[in-house]
Amino acid sequence: MDIFTQKKVLIRLVILLLALNFISMGLFIWKGISPRNKPDNNPVQEQKEVSSVLKQELQLTDIQADQIKKLRSGYVEKEKMLVTQIRAERDSMNGIIFNLKADPVTVKSIARRVADNEYKMEMLRFEQSQELKTICNPEQLKKFERLVREIRDYFQPTDQPKQNKK
């Protein structure tokens, strides 16, 4: 084989190896980002798990467990609606912000609505805790106080590090 033929074969071999390398990197990246590999954040499943943990740890009666399940399901629906509103308002605000002729009054108005809905979300959580206090006895409330952080850390998304703030 003469030198020019060897050079052509080597160039083709390098190009083939580069192409295979890019294809394999693309597959790894695609597989890592694919929605099929993301953890399943099913709120209904999480709600059932929290309810079962609460029933076991707080030694709730069946009546108390049912009341808490109903309480949580009602608030989960309200929170979903608020989260949807907040997301939509933030999306519209982002569209306006990056527009060349952004109107500061409109942006401030949308930001205020987002903040108001965040406030409503926190007030929903407060109301839920107040109703929970009427369901549980004082001993259960003391146990629940310790469980709050553990439950929050347990259901934290897996892509964020768990925090142990006490």
N, C-alpha and C. Protein backbone atom coordinates (compact mmCIF):
# COMPACT_ATOMS: atom_id res chain seq x y z
N MET A 1 0.83 -1.17 0.00
CA MET A 1 0.00 0.00 0.00
C MET A 1 0.89 1.24 0.00
N ASP A 2 0.56 2.15 -0.89
CA ASP A 2 1.37 3.37 -0.91
C ASP A 2 0.90 4.33 0.19
N ILE A 3 1.65 5.35 0.43
CA ILE A 3 1.41 6.28 1.54
C ILE A 3 0.09 7.03 1.40
N PHE A 4 -0.32 7.36 0.18
CA PHE A 4 -1.57 8.09 -0.02
C PHE A 4 -2.77 7.21 0.30
N THR A 5 -2.72 5.95 -0.03
CA THR A 5 -3.80 5.02 0.28
C THR A 5 -3.90 4.82 1.79
N GLN A 6 -2.75 4.68 2.44
CA GLN A 6 -2.73 4.53 3.90
C GLN A 6 -3.34 5.76 4.57
N LYS A 7 -2.99 6.94 4.07
CA LYS A 7 -3.50 8.18 4.64
C LYS A 7 -5.02 8.25 4.49
N LYS A 8 -5.57 7.86 3.32
CA LYS A 8 -7.01 7.86 3.09
C LYS A 8 -7.70 6.89 4.05
N VAL A 9 -7.13 5.71 4.23
CA VAL A 9 -7.72 4.71 5.12
C VAL A 9 -7.71 5.23 6.56
N LEU A 10 -6.61 5.84 6.99
CA LEU A 10 -6.52 6.38 8.35
C LEU A 10 -7.51 7.52 8.57
N ILE A 11 -7.65 8.39 7.60
CA ILE A 11 -8.60 9.51 7.71
C ILE A 11 -10.03 8.97 7.82
N ARG A 12 -10.36 7.98 6.99
CA ARG A 12 -11.70 7.40 7.05
C ARG A 12 -11.94 6.69 8.38
N LEU A 13 -10.91 6.05 8.89
CA LEU A 13 -11.01 5.35 10.17
C LEU A 13 -11.22 6.36 11.32
N VAL A 14 -10.50 7.46 11.30
CA VAL A 14 -10.65 8.51 12.31
C VAL A 14 -12.05 9.12 12.24
N ILE A 15 -12.54 9.39 11.04
CA ILE A 15 -13.89 9.95 10.87
C ILE A 15 -14.94 8.97 11.39
N LEU A 16 -14.78 7.69 11.09
CA LEU A 16 -15.71 6.67 11.57
C LEU A 16 -15.70 6.61 13.10
N LEU A 17 -14.51 6.64 13.70
CA LEU A 17 -14.41 6.60 15.16
C LEU A 17 -15.03 7.86 15.79
N LEU A 18 -14.80 9.01 15.18
CA LEU A 18 -15.40 10.24 15.68
C LEU A 18 -16.93 10.17 15.60
N ALA A 19 -17.44 9.67 14.48
CA ALA A 19 -18.89 9.55 14.32
C ALA A 19 -19.47 8.60 15.37
N LEU A 20 -18.82 7.48 15.60
CA LEU A 20 -19.29 6.54 16.61
C LEU A 20 -19.24 7.17 18.01
N ASN A 21 -18.20 7.92 18.26
CA ASN A 21 -18.06 8.60 19.56
C ASN A 21 -19.20 9.60 19.77
N PHE A 22 -19.48 10.42 18.75
CA PHE A 22 -20.57 11.39 18.86
C PHE A 22 -21.93 10.71 19.02
N ILE A 23 -22.13 9.64 18.30
CA ILE A 23 -23.40 8.91 18.41
C ILE A 23 -23.56 8.34 19.82
N SER A 24 -22.50 7.74 20.35
CA SER A 24 -22.60 7.16 21.70
C SER A 24 -22.80 8.26 22.76
N MET A 25 -22.11 9.40 22.61
CA MET A 25 -22.31 10.51 23.55
C MET A 25 -23.74 11.03 23.45
N GLY A 26 -24.25 11.14 22.25
CA GLY A 26 -25.63 11.59 22.05
C GLY A 26 -26.62 10.65 22.70
N LEU A 27 -26.40 9.36 22.58
CA LEU A 27 -27.30 8.38 23.21
C LEU A 27 -27.25 8.48 24.73
N PHE A 28 -26.06 8.65 25.29
CA PHE A 28 -25.96 8.78 26.74
C PHE A 28 -26.66 10.05 27.23
N ILE A 29 -26.47 11.13 26.52
CA ILE A 29 -27.12 12.38 26.91
C ILE A 29 -28.63 12.25 26.76
N TRP A 30 -29.07 11.71 25.64
CA TRP A 30 -30.51 11.55 25.40
C TRP A 30 -31.13 10.64 26.46
N LYS A 31 -30.46 9.56 26.80
CA LYS A 31 -30.98 8.64 27.79
C LYS A 31 -31.04 9.28 29.17
N GLY A 32 -30.10 10.14 29.50
CA GLY A 32 -30.09 10.81 30.80
C GLY A 32 -31.15 11.88 30.91
N ILE A 33 -31.53 12.52 29.81
CA ILE A 33 -32.50 13.61 29.83
C ILE A 33 -33.90 13.11 29.52
N SER A 34 -34.02 11.95 29.01
CA SER A 34 -35.30 11.41 28.58
C SER A 34 -36.34 11.44 29.69
N PRO A 35 -37.58 11.86 29.39
CA PRO A 35 -38.63 11.89 30.41
C PRO A 35 -38.93 10.51 31.00
N ARG A 36 -38.58 9.46 30.26
CA ARG A 36 -38.83 8.12 30.77
C ARG A 36 -37.95 7.82 31.98
N ASN A 37 -36.81 8.47 32.10
CA ASN A 37 -35.89 8.19 33.19
C ASN A 37 -36.05 9.15 34.37
N LYS A 38 -36.93 10.12 34.25
CA LYS A 38 -37.14 11.05 35.34
C LYS A 38 -37.96 10.37 36.42
N PRO A 39 -37.69 10.73 37.69
CA PRO A 39 -38.47 10.11 38.77
C PRO A 39 -39.94 10.48 38.65
N ASP A 40 -40.77 9.54 39.03
CA ASP A 40 -42.22 9.74 38.93
C ASP A 40 -42.68 10.54 40.13
N ASN A 41 -43.03 11.81 39.92
CA ASN A 41 -43.53 12.66 40.99
C ASN A 41 -45.04 12.65 40.93
N ASN A 42 -45.62 11.53 41.28
CA ASN A 42 -47.06 11.37 41.26
C ASN A 42 -47.63 11.87 42.58
N PRO A 43 -48.36 13.00 42.57
CA PRO A 43 -48.88 13.54 43.82
C PRO A 43 -49.84 12.61 44.53
N VAL A 44 -50.60 11.82 43.79
CA VAL A 44 -51.54 10.89 44.42
C VAL A 44 -50.76 9.82 45.18
N GLN A 45 -49.69 9.31 44.56
CA GLN A 45 -48.87 8.29 45.23
C GLN A 45 -48.19 8.89 46.46
N GLU A 46 -47.65 10.11 46.32
CA GLU A 46 -47.00 10.77 47.45
C GLU A 46 -48.01 10.99 48.58
N GLN A 47 -49.22 11.36 48.22
CA GLN A 47 -50.25 11.61 49.23
C GLN A 47 -50.55 10.32 49.99
N LYS A 48 -50.65 9.20 49.27
CA LYS A 48 -50.91 7.92 49.93
C LYS A 48 -49.76 7.55 50.85
N GLU A 49 -48.52 7.79 50.39
CA GLU A 49 -47.36 7.46 51.21
C GLU A 49 -47.33 8.31 52.47
N VAL A 50 -47.59 9.60 52.34
CA VAL A 50 -47.60 10.48 53.51
C VAL A 50 -48.70 10.04 54.46
N SER A 51 -49.85 9.72 53.94
CA SER A 51 -50.96 9.30 54.79
C SER A 51 -50.61 8.04 55.56
N SER A 52 -49.98 7.09 54.89
CA SER A 52 -49.62 5.84 55.57
C SER A 52 -48.53 6.08 56.62
N VAL A 53 -47.57 6.95 56.30
CA VAL A 53 -46.51 7.27 57.27
C VAL A 53 -47.13 7.96 58.48
N LEU A 54 -48.02 8.92 58.24
CA LEU A 54 -48.66 9.61 59.35
C LEU A 54 -49.48 8.65 60.21
N LYS A 55 -50.22 7.78 59.57
CA LYS A 55 -51.06 6.84 60.33
C LYS A 55 -50.20 5.95 61.21
N GLN A 56 -49.10 5.48 60.66
CA GLN A 56 -48.23 4.57 61.41
C GLN A 56 -47.48 5.32 62.52
N GLU A 57 -46.85 6.42 62.18
CA GLU A 57 -46.00 7.12 63.14
C GLU A 57 -46.80 7.82 64.24
N LEU A 58 -47.93 8.38 63.89
CA LEU A 58 -48.73 9.11 64.87
C LEU A 58 -49.76 8.21 65.55
N GLN A 59 -49.84 6.96 65.10
CA GLN A 59 -50.80 6.00 65.63
C GLN A 59 -52.22 6.57 65.56
N LEU A 60 -52.57 6.97 64.35
CA LEU A 60 -53.89 7.56 64.11
C LEU A 60 -54.96 6.48 64.09
N THR A 61 -56.14 6.84 64.50
CA THR A 61 -57.27 5.94 64.36
C THR A 61 -57.70 5.97 62.89
N ASP A 62 -58.54 5.04 62.50
CA ASP A 62 -59.01 5.01 61.12
C ASP A 62 -59.79 6.28 60.79
N ILE A 63 -60.57 6.75 61.74
CA ILE A 63 -61.35 7.98 61.52
C ILE A 63 -60.42 9.16 61.30
N GLN A 64 -59.39 9.29 62.15
CA GLN A 64 -58.43 10.38 62.01
C GLN A 64 -57.70 10.29 60.67
N ALA A 65 -57.30 9.07 60.30
CA ALA A 65 -56.58 8.88 59.03
C ALA A 65 -57.46 9.30 57.85
N ASP A 66 -58.74 8.96 57.89
CA ASP A 66 -59.65 9.36 56.81
C ASP A 66 -59.82 10.87 56.77
N GLN A 67 -59.95 11.48 57.95
CA GLN A 67 -60.10 12.94 57.99
C GLN A 67 -58.86 13.63 57.42
N ILE A 68 -57.68 13.13 57.77
CA ILE A 68 -56.44 13.73 57.27
C ILE A 68 -56.31 13.51 55.77
N LYS A 69 -56.70 12.34 55.30
CA LYS A 69 -56.64 12.07 53.86
C LYS A 69 -57.54 13.03 53.09
N LYS A 70 -58.75 13.24 53.59
CA LYS A 70 -59.68 14.18 52.94
C LYS A 70 -59.13 15.60 52.99
N LEU A 71 -58.59 15.96 54.14
CA LEU A 71 -58.02 17.29 54.32
C LEU A 71 -56.90 17.53 53.32
N ARG A 72 -55.99 16.58 53.23
CA ARG A 72 -54.85 16.72 52.33
C ARG A 72 -55.29 16.74 50.86
N SER A 73 -56.23 15.90 50.49
CA SER A 73 -56.64 15.87 49.08
C SER A 73 -57.29 17.19 48.67
N GLY A 74 -58.06 17.78 49.56
CA GLY A 74 -58.67 19.07 49.25
C GLY A 74 -57.63 20.16 49.06
N TYR A 75 -56.63 20.18 49.92
CA TYR A 75 -55.60 21.20 49.81
C TYR A 75 -54.67 20.95 48.64
N VAL A 76 -54.44 19.69 48.30
CA VAL A 76 -53.60 19.39 47.14
C VAL A 76 -54.22 19.96 45.88
N GLU A 77 -55.53 19.83 45.74
CA GLU A 77 -56.21 20.38 44.57
C GLU A 77 -56.10 21.90 44.51
N LYS A 78 -56.29 22.55 45.65
CA LYS A 78 -56.18 24.01 45.69
C LYS A 78 -54.75 24.45 45.35
N GLU A 79 -53.76 23.73 45.87
CA GLU A 79 -52.36 24.07 45.59
C GLU A 79 -52.04 23.88 44.11
N LYS A 80 -52.57 22.82 43.51
CA LYS A 80 -52.34 22.58 42.08
C LYS A 80 -52.83 23.75 41.24
N MET A 81 -54.02 24.24 41.58
CA MET A 81 -54.58 25.37 40.84
C MET A 81 -53.69 26.60 40.99
N LEU A 82 -53.22 26.86 42.20
CA LEU A 82 -52.36 28.02 42.42
C LEU A 82 -51.02 27.86 41.69
N VAL A 83 -50.46 26.66 41.73
CA VAL A 83 -49.18 26.42 41.05
C VAL A 83 -49.34 26.65 39.55
N THR A 84 -50.46 26.20 38.99
CA THR A 84 -50.72 26.40 37.57
C THR A 84 -50.83 27.89 37.25
N GLN A 85 -51.53 28.64 38.09
CA GLN A 85 -51.65 30.09 37.88
C GLN A 85 -50.29 30.77 37.98
N ILE A 86 -49.51 30.40 38.99
CA ILE A 86 -48.19 31.02 39.18
C ILE A 86 -47.31 30.75 37.98
N ARG A 87 -47.31 29.51 37.51
CA ARG A 87 -46.49 29.15 36.35
C ARG A 87 -46.89 29.95 35.11
N ALA A 88 -48.19 30.05 34.89
CA ALA A 88 -48.68 30.78 33.72
C ALA A 88 -48.31 32.26 33.80
N GLU A 89 -48.46 32.84 34.97
CA GLU A 89 -48.12 34.25 35.13
C GLU A 89 -46.62 34.48 34.97
N ARG A 90 -45.82 33.58 35.51
CA ARG A 90 -44.36 33.71 35.35
C ARG A 90 -43.96 33.58 33.88
N ASP A 91 -44.60 32.65 33.18
CA ASP A 91 -44.30 32.50 31.75
C ASP A 91 -44.64 33.76 30.98
N SER A 92 -45.82 34.33 31.28
CA SER A 92 -46.20 35.55 30.56
C SER A 92 -45.27 36.71 30.95
N MET A 93 -44.86 36.76 32.21
CA MET A 93 -43.95 37.81 32.64
C MET A 93 -42.60 37.66 31.94
N ASN A 94 -42.10 36.43 31.82
CA ASN A 94 -40.83 36.21 31.12
C ASN A 94 -40.93 36.64 29.66
N GLY A 95 -42.07 36.37 29.04
CA GLY A 95 -42.26 36.80 27.66
C GLY A 95 -42.22 38.32 27.52
N ILE A 96 -42.79 39.00 28.49
CA ILE A 96 -42.81 40.46 28.45
C ILE A 96 -41.44 41.04 28.79
N ILE A 97 -40.79 40.46 29.81
CA ILE A 97 -39.49 40.97 30.25
C ILE A 97 -38.48 41.01 29.11
N PHE A 98 -38.44 39.95 28.34
CA PHE A 98 -37.43 39.86 27.29
C PHE A 98 -37.88 40.46 25.96
N ASN A 99 -39.02 41.11 25.99
CA ASN A 99 -39.49 41.85 24.83
C ASN A 99 -38.74 43.18 24.79
N LEU A 100 -38.44 43.65 23.60
CA LEU A 100 -37.70 44.91 23.48
C LEU A 100 -38.45 46.09 24.07
N LYS A 101 -39.77 46.07 23.96
CA LYS A 101 -40.58 47.17 24.48
C LYS A 101 -41.36 46.71 25.70
N ALA A 102 -40.63 46.25 26.73
CA ALA A 102 -41.27 45.75 27.94
C ALA A 102 -41.89 46.90 28.72
N ASP A 103 -43.14 46.70 29.12
CA ASP A 103 -43.86 47.72 29.90
C ASP A 103 -43.64 47.42 31.39
N PRO A 104 -42.92 48.30 32.11
CA PRO A 104 -42.64 48.05 33.53
C PRO A 104 -43.90 47.95 34.38
N VAL A 105 -44.94 48.67 34.04
CA VAL A 105 -46.18 48.62 34.82
C VAL A 105 -46.81 47.23 34.71
N THR A 106 -46.83 46.69 33.50
CA THR A 106 -47.40 45.35 33.30
C THR A 106 -46.57 44.30 34.02
N VAL A 107 -45.26 44.42 33.94
CA VAL A 107 -44.37 43.45 34.61
C VAL A 107 -44.60 43.50 36.11
N LYS A 108 -44.68 44.71 36.67
CA LYS A 108 -44.91 44.84 38.11
C LYS A 108 -46.27 44.29 38.51
N SER A 109 -47.25 44.47 37.67
CA SER A 109 -48.59 43.95 37.95
C SER A 109 -48.58 42.42 37.99
N ILE A 110 -47.92 41.83 37.02
CA ILE A 110 -47.84 40.36 36.98
C ILE A 110 -47.03 39.85 38.17
N ALA A 111 -45.93 40.53 38.48
CA ALA A 111 -45.10 40.12 39.62
C ALA A 111 -45.90 40.19 40.92
N ARG A 112 -46.75 41.18 41.05
CA ARG A 112 -47.60 41.30 42.23
C ARG A 112 -48.57 40.14 42.31
N ARG A 113 -49.15 39.75 41.16
CA ARG A 113 -50.08 38.61 41.15
C ARG A 113 -49.36 37.31 41.52
N VAL A 114 -48.13 37.15 41.03
CA VAL A 114 -47.35 35.96 41.39
C VAL A 114 -47.11 35.95 42.90
N ALA A 115 -46.70 37.08 43.44
CA ALA A 115 -46.45 37.17 44.88
C ALA A 115 -47.73 36.92 45.68
N ASP A 116 -48.84 37.45 45.21
CA ASP A 116 -50.12 37.24 45.90
C ASP A 116 -50.49 35.75 45.91
N ASN A 117 -50.26 35.09 44.79
CA ASN A 117 -50.58 33.65 44.73
C ASN A 117 -49.62 32.84 45.60
N GLU A 118 -48.37 33.25 45.68
CA GLU A 118 -47.43 32.58 46.58
C GLU A 118 -47.90 32.76 48.03
N TYR A 119 -48.37 33.95 48.35
CA TYR A 119 -48.91 34.22 49.68
C TYR A 119 -50.12 33.32 49.95
N LYS A 120 -51.01 33.20 48.96
CA LYS A 120 -52.18 32.33 49.11
C LYS A 120 -51.75 30.88 49.37
N MET A 121 -50.69 30.46 48.69
CA MET A 121 -50.18 29.10 48.87
C MET A 121 -49.73 28.89 50.31
N GLU A 122 -48.99 29.84 50.84
CA GLU A 122 -48.52 29.72 52.22
C GLU A 122 -49.69 29.75 53.20
N MET A 123 -50.68 30.57 52.92
CA MET A 123 -51.85 30.63 53.79
C MET A 123 -52.65 29.32 53.73
N LEU A 124 -52.69 28.69 52.57
CA LEU A 124 -53.33 27.37 52.47
C LEU A 124 -52.63 26.37 53.37
N ARG A 125 -51.30 26.41 53.36
CA ARG A 125 -50.54 25.49 54.22
C ARG A 125 -50.82 25.76 55.69
N PHE A 126 -50.92 27.04 56.03
CA PHE A 126 -51.23 27.40 57.41
C PHE A 126 -52.63 26.90 57.80
N GLU A 127 -53.61 27.13 56.92
CA GLU A 127 -54.97 26.67 57.19
C GLU A 127 -55.01 25.15 57.35
N GLN A 128 -54.25 24.45 56.51
CA GLN A 128 -54.20 23.00 56.59
C GLN A 128 -53.64 22.58 57.95
N SER A 129 -52.61 23.25 58.40
CA SER A 129 -52.02 22.89 59.70
C SER A 129 -52.99 23.17 60.83
N GLN A 130 -53.77 24.25 60.71
CA GLN A 130 -54.75 24.56 61.75
C GLN A 130 -55.84 23.48 61.80
N GLU A 131 -56.28 23.04 60.64
CA GLU A 131 -57.29 21.98 60.61
C GLU A 131 -56.72 20.66 61.12
N LEU A 132 -55.46 20.42 60.82
CA LEU A 132 -54.80 19.20 61.30
C LEU A 132 -54.76 19.18 62.83
N LYS A 133 -54.56 20.35 63.42
CA LYS A 133 -54.51 20.44 64.88
C LYS A 133 -55.84 20.08 65.52
N THR A 134 -56.92 20.26 64.79
CA THR A 134 -58.23 19.90 65.34
C THR A 134 -58.48 18.39 65.25
N ILE A 135 -57.75 17.73 64.35
CA ILE A 135 -57.95 16.28 64.16
C ILE A 135 -57.10 15.48 65.15
N CYS A 136 -55.88 15.93 65.39
CA CYS A 136 -54.94 15.18 66.23
C CYS A 136 -55.04 15.58 67.69
N ASN A 137 -54.66 14.65 68.56
CA ASN A 137 -54.59 14.98 69.98
C ASN A 137 -53.20 15.58 70.28
N PRO A 138 -53.01 16.16 71.46
CA PRO A 138 -51.73 16.83 71.77
C PRO A 138 -50.50 15.93 71.64
N GLU A 139 -50.63 14.68 72.03
CA GLU A 139 -49.49 13.75 71.91
C GLU A 139 -49.12 13.52 70.45
N GLN A 140 -50.13 13.36 69.60
CA GLN A 140 -49.88 13.17 68.17
C GLN A 140 -49.27 14.42 67.55
N LEU A 141 -49.69 15.58 68.01
CA LEU A 141 -49.13 16.82 67.48
C LEU A 141 -47.65 16.96 67.82
N LYS A 142 -47.26 16.52 69.01
CA LYS A 142 -45.85 16.56 69.38
C LYS A 142 -45.03 15.65 68.46
N LYS A 143 -45.55 14.46 68.20
CA LYS A 143 -44.86 13.54 67.29
C LYS A 143 -44.83 14.11 65.87
N PHE A 144 -45.93 14.73 65.49
CA PHE A 144 -46.01 15.30 64.14
C PHE A 144 -44.99 16.41 63.95
N GLU A 145 -44.77 17.19 64.98
CA GLU A 145 -43.80 18.28 64.92
C GLU A 145 -42.42 17.75 64.54
N ARG A 146 -42.05 16.58 65.07
CA ARG A 146 -40.76 15.97 64.73
C ARG A 146 -40.76 15.39 63.32
N LEU A 147 -41.90 14.92 62.88
CA LEU A 147 -41.99 14.27 61.57
C LEU A 147 -41.98 15.24 60.39
N VAL A 148 -42.35 16.47 60.62
CA VAL A 148 -42.52 17.43 59.52
C VAL A 148 -41.26 17.52 58.65
N ARG A 149 -40.11 17.69 59.26
CA ARG A 149 -38.86 17.82 58.49
C ARG A 149 -38.51 16.52 57.78
N GLU A 150 -38.71 15.41 58.46
CA GLU A 150 -38.40 14.12 57.85
C GLU A 150 -39.26 13.88 56.61
N ILE A 151 -40.54 14.21 56.71
CA ILE A 151 -41.45 14.02 55.58
C ILE A 151 -41.04 14.95 54.43
N ARG A 152 -40.72 16.19 54.75
CA ARG A 152 -40.30 17.14 53.71
C ARG A 152 -39.04 16.64 53.00
N ASP A 153 -38.06 16.17 53.77
CA ASP A 153 -36.82 15.69 53.17
C ASP A 153 -37.05 14.42 52.35
N TYR A 154 -37.96 13.56 52.83
CA TYR A 154 -38.22 12.31 52.12
C TYR A 154 -38.83 12.56 50.75
N PHE A 155 -39.73 13.55 50.65
CA PHE A 155 -40.41 13.81 49.40
C PHE A 155 -39.75 14.91 48.57
N GLN A 156 -38.56 15.32 48.97
CA GLN A 156 -37.82 16.32 48.18
C GLN A 156 -37.37 15.67 46.88
N PRO A 157 -37.41 16.40 45.76
CA PRO A 157 -36.98 15.83 44.48
C PRO A 157 -35.57 15.25 44.58
N THR A 158 -35.33 14.16 43.86
CA THR A 158 -34.05 13.46 43.96
C THR A 158 -32.90 14.22 43.34
N ASP A 159 -33.16 15.20 42.48
CA ASP A 159 -32.07 15.94 41.85
C ASP A 159 -31.52 17.02 42.76
N GLN A 160 -32.16 17.24 43.92
CA GLN A 160 -31.65 18.22 44.88
C GLN A 160 -31.11 17.46 46.09
N PRO A 161 -30.02 17.95 46.66
CA PRO A 161 -29.50 17.27 47.86
C PRO A 161 -30.46 17.42 49.03
N LYS A 162 -30.56 16.36 49.82
CA LYS A 162 -31.44 16.42 50.99
C LYS A 162 -30.80 17.28 52.05
N GLN A 163 -31.64 18.09 52.69
CA GLN A 163 -31.17 19.00 53.73
C GLN A 163 -31.61 18.50 55.07
N ASN A 164 -30.74 18.57 56.05
CA ASN A 164 -31.09 18.19 57.41
C ASN A 164 -30.99 19.41 58.30
N LYS A 165 -31.88 20.33 58.11
CA LYS A 165 -31.90 21.54 58.92
C LYS A 165 -32.77 21.29 60.13
N LYS A 166 -32.19 21.40 61.29
CA LYS A 166 -32.97 21.20 62.52
C LYS A 166 -32.76 22.34 63.46
